[in-house]
Amino acid sequence: MKVVLEGIVEGLSTLKDGSLKIVLSTQEVDGTTAANIFQFRNLFVKVLISNTNITAMDEELVDKTAIVAGKKPKSESSRLRAVLFRVHEQSNSNDEFEVWYKAEMNRVIEHYKGKLD
């Protein structure tokens, strides 16, 4: 399903994991369009933001963007960083995450360097 809307970006903020929260407001929409939008709630979706008309070629490029099983695929390094972020949160460390992350990565690197001949 696709819904094309016009609106205004009202707010942007960064989240702890480095992602962005984007707040959009639209013009009035009819009940059917609103119902279609609500079907996207809590789903990983593709978004195209443009201040010009969206062409068929633009839509085709968005459609070709890969989403695996409804979720954006993450690299292994991104997955590890996300897990380490959660570990840091739960450790109650007084260090900022970036400081803690560098130290933890150095510990892991040294561990594996020790396994080399």
C-alpha atoms as a PDB file:
ATOM      1  CA  MET A   1       0.000   0.000   0.000  1.00  0.00           C
ATOM      2  CA  LYS A   2       1.169   3.529  -0.745  1.00  0.00           C
ATOM      3  CA  VAL A   3      -0.018   6.845   0.600  1.00  0.00           C
ATOM      4  CA  VAL A   4       1.325  10.098  -0.824  1.00  0.00           C
ATOM      5  CA  LEU A   5       0.821  13.131   1.402  1.00  0.00           C
ATOM      6  CA  GLU A   6       1.740  16.770   1.383  1.00  0.00           C
ATOM      7  CA  GLY A   7       2.711  18.361   4.632  1.00  0.00           C
ATOM      8  CA  ILE A   8       5.174  20.263   6.763  1.00  0.00           C
ATOM      9  CA  VAL A   9       8.142  18.981   8.753  1.00  0.00           C
ATOM     10  CA  GLU A  10       7.291  20.461  12.143  1.00  0.00           C
ATOM     11  CA  GLY A  11       9.974  18.905  14.265  1.00  0.00           C
ATOM     12  CA  LEU A  12      13.234  17.007  14.185  1.00  0.00           C
ATOM     13  CA  SER A  13      15.092  15.483  17.106  1.00  0.00           C
ATOM     14  CA  THR A  14      17.873  12.966  17.544  1.00  0.00           C
ATOM     15  CA  LEU A  15      17.422   9.816  19.589  1.00  0.00           C
ATOM     16  CA  LYS A  16      19.967   8.030  21.797  1.00  0.00           C
ATOM     17  CA  ASP A  17      20.861   5.516  19.076  1.00  0.00           C
ATOM     18  CA  GLY A  18      21.639   8.268  16.550  1.00  0.00           C
ATOM     19  CA  SER A  19      18.399   7.908  14.626  1.00  0.00           C
ATOM     20  CA  LEU A  20      16.046  10.805  13.916  1.00  0.00           C
ATOM     21  CA  LYS A  21      12.481  11.433  15.005  1.00  0.00           C
ATOM     22  CA  ILE A  22      10.601  13.416  12.372  1.00  0.00           C
ATOM     23  CA  VAL A  23       7.256  15.045  13.150  1.00  0.00           C
ATOM     24  CA  LEU A  24       5.099  15.752  10.084  1.00  0.00           C
ATOM     25  CA  SER A  25       1.767  17.495   9.830  1.00  0.00           C
ATOM     26  CA  THR A  26      -0.494  17.094   6.819  1.00  0.00           C
ATOM     27  CA  GLN A  27      -3.382  18.996   5.370  1.00  0.00           C
ATOM     28  CA  GLU A  28      -6.790  17.596   6.206  1.00  0.00           C
ATOM     29  CA  VAL A  29      -7.238  14.016   4.991  1.00  0.00           C
ATOM     30  CA  ASP A  30     -10.383  12.017   4.433  1.00  0.00           C
ATOM     31  CA  GLY A  31     -11.306   9.002   6.547  1.00  0.00           C
ATOM     32  CA  THR A  32     -10.026   6.463   4.036  1.00  0.00           C
ATOM     33  CA  THR A  33      -6.597   8.099   3.812  1.00  0.00           C
ATOM     34  CA  ALA A  34      -6.410   8.380   7.593  1.00  0.00           C
ATOM     35  CA  ALA A  35      -7.318   4.692   7.956  1.00  0.00           C
ATOM     36  CA  ASN A  36      -4.628   3.765   5.413  1.00  0.00           C
ATOM     37  CA  ILE A  37      -2.030   5.771   7.339  1.00  0.00           C
ATOM     38  CA  PHE A  38      -2.979   4.084  10.622  1.00  0.00           C
ATOM     39  CA  GLN A  39      -2.244   0.706   9.008  1.00  0.00           C
ATOM     40  CA  PHE A  40       1.432   1.738   8.896  1.00  0.00           C
ATOM     41  CA  ARG A  41       1.595   2.259  12.660  1.00  0.00           C
ATOM     42  CA  ASN A  42       4.570   0.438  14.254  1.00  0.00           C
ATOM     43  CA  LEU A  43       5.765  -0.836  10.874  1.00  0.00           C
ATOM     44  CA  PHE A  44       9.123  -0.113   9.286  1.00  0.00           C
ATOM     45  CA  VAL A  45       8.275   2.003   6.251  1.00  0.00           C
ATOM     46  CA  LYS A  46      10.075   3.774   3.440  1.00  0.00           C
ATOM     47  CA  VAL A  47       9.826   7.553   3.344  1.00  0.00           C
ATOM     48  CA  LEU A  48      10.622  10.016   0.579  1.00  0.00           C
ATOM     49  CA  ILE A  49      10.761  13.662   1.584  1.00  0.00           C
ATOM     50  CA  SER A  50      10.952  16.215  -1.199  1.00  0.00           C
ATOM     51  CA  ASN A  51      10.046  19.856  -1.644  1.00  0.00           C
ATOM     52  CA  THR A  52       9.186  19.191  -5.296  1.00  0.00           C
ATOM     53  CA  ASN A  53       6.621  16.939  -6.918  1.00  0.00           C
ATOM     54  CA  ILE A  54       7.378  13.244  -6.563  1.00  0.00           C
ATOM     55  CA  THR A  55       7.854  11.693  -9.979  1.00  0.00           C
ATOM     56  CA  ALA A  56       7.196   8.121 -11.050  1.00  0.00           C
ATOM     57  CA  MET A  57      10.980   7.629 -11.175  1.00  0.00           C
ATOM     58  CA  ASP A  58      11.253   8.831  -7.551  1.00  0.00           C
ATOM     59  CA  GLU A  59       8.602   6.344  -6.492  1.00  0.00           C
ATOM     60  CA  GLU A  60      10.370   3.547  -8.385  1.00  0.00           C
ATOM     61  CA  LEU A  61      13.647   4.325  -6.591  1.00  0.00           C
ATOM     62  CA  VAL A  62      11.892   4.176  -3.231  1.00  0.00           C
ATOM     63  CA  ASP A  63      10.270   0.860  -4.184  1.00  0.00           C
ATOM     64  CA  LYS A  64      13.690  -0.598  -5.058  1.00  0.00           C
ATOM     65  CA  THR A  65      15.109   0.285  -1.639  1.00  0.00           C
ATOM     66  CA  ALA A  66      15.639  -3.031   0.134  1.00  0.00           C
ATOM     67  CA  ILE A  67      13.664  -3.902   3.235  1.00  0.00           C
ATOM     68  CA  VAL A  68      14.101  -7.448   4.524  1.00  0.00           C
ATOM     69  CA  ALA A  69      11.130  -8.959   6.363  1.00  0.00           C
ATOM     70  CA  GLY A  70       9.699  -5.521   7.052  1.00  0.00           C
ATOM     71  CA  LYS A  71      12.846  -4.229   8.728  1.00  0.00           C
ATOM     72  CA  LYS A  72      15.826  -2.275   7.522  1.00  0.00           C
ATOM     73  CA  PRO A  73      18.783  -4.654   7.418  1.00  0.00           C
ATOM     74  CA  LYS A  74      21.644  -3.673   9.721  1.00  0.00           C
ATOM     75  CA  SER A  75      25.285  -4.491   9.206  1.00  0.00           C
ATOM     76  CA  GLU A  76      26.905  -6.762  11.760  1.00  0.00           C
ATOM     77  CA  SER A  77      28.939  -3.837  13.105  1.00  0.00           C
ATOM     78  CA  SER A  78      25.754  -1.773  13.548  1.00  0.00           C
ATOM     79  CA  ARG A  79      24.109  -4.659  15.357  1.00  0.00           C
ATOM     80  CA  LEU A  80      27.115  -5.048  17.667  1.00  0.00           C
ATOM     81  CA  ARG A  81      27.153  -1.312  18.415  1.00  0.00           C
ATOM     82  CA  ALA A  82      23.430  -1.394  19.260  1.00  0.00           C
ATOM     83  CA  VAL A  83      23.923  -4.349  21.607  1.00  0.00           C
ATOM     84  CA  LEU A  84      26.889  -2.640  23.267  1.00  0.00           C
ATOM     85  CA  PHE A  85      24.766   0.479  23.722  1.00  0.00           C
ATOM     86  CA  ARG A  86      22.199  -1.590  25.651  1.00  0.00           C
ATOM     87  CA  VAL A  87      24.962  -3.219  27.721  1.00  0.00           C
ATOM     88  CA  HIS A  88      26.303   0.251  28.552  1.00  0.00           C
ATOM     89  CA  GLU A  89      22.805   1.403  29.567  1.00  0.00           C
ATOM     90  CA  GLN A  90      22.399  -1.544  31.902  1.00  0.00           C
ATOM     91  CA  SER A  91      25.914  -1.277  33.369  1.00  0.00           C
ATOM     92  CA  ASN A  92      25.209   2.058  35.107  1.00  0.00           C
ATOM     93  CA  SER A  93      28.639   3.230  33.952  1.00  0.00           C
ATOM     94  CA  ASN A  94      29.513   6.853  34.687  1.00  0.00           C
ATOM     95  CA  ASP A  95      31.339   7.109  31.343  1.00  0.00           C
ATOM     96  CA  GLU A  96      29.695   8.596  28.270  1.00  0.00           C
ATOM     97  CA  PHE A  97      28.783   5.870  25.782  1.00  0.00           C
ATOM     98  CA  GLU A  98      31.445   6.878  23.222  1.00  0.00           C
ATOM     99  CA  VAL A  99      34.227   6.668  25.841  1.00  0.00           C
ATOM    100  CA  TRP A 100      32.926   3.348  27.153  1.00  0.00           C
ATOM    101  CA  TYR A 101      32.427   2.007  23.591  1.00  0.00           C
ATOM    102  CA  LYS A 102      36.029   2.761  22.559  1.00  0.00           C
ATOM    103  CA  ALA A 103      37.389   1.059  25.678  1.00  0.00           C
ATOM    104  CA  GLU A 104      35.143  -1.969  25.165  1.00  0.00           C
ATOM    105  CA  MET A 105      36.085  -2.264  21.481  1.00  0.00           C
ATOM    106  CA  ASN A 106      39.777  -2.073  22.399  1.00  0.00           C
ATOM    107  CA  ARG A 107      39.226  -4.877  24.933  1.00  0.00           C
ATOM    108  CA  VAL A 108      37.548  -7.024  22.255  1.00  0.00           C
ATOM    109  CA  ILE A 109      40.287  -6.251  19.712  1.00  0.00           C
ATOM    110  CA  GLU A 110      43.033  -7.174  22.185  1.00  0.00           C
ATOM    111  CA  HIS A 111      41.195 -10.403  22.997  1.00  0.00           C
ATOM    112  CA  TYR A 112      41.174 -11.459  19.344  1.00  0.00           C
ATOM    113  CA  LYS A 113      44.720 -10.225  18.709  1.00  0.00           C
ATOM    114  CA  GLY A 114      45.752 -12.645  21.473  1.00  0.00           C
ATOM    115  CA  LYS A 115      44.377 -15.511  19.379  1.00  0.00           C
ATOM    116  CA  LEU A 116      46.666 -14.737  16.435  1.00  0.00           C
ATOM    117  CA  ASP A 117      49.842 -16.759  15.813  1.00  0.00           C
END
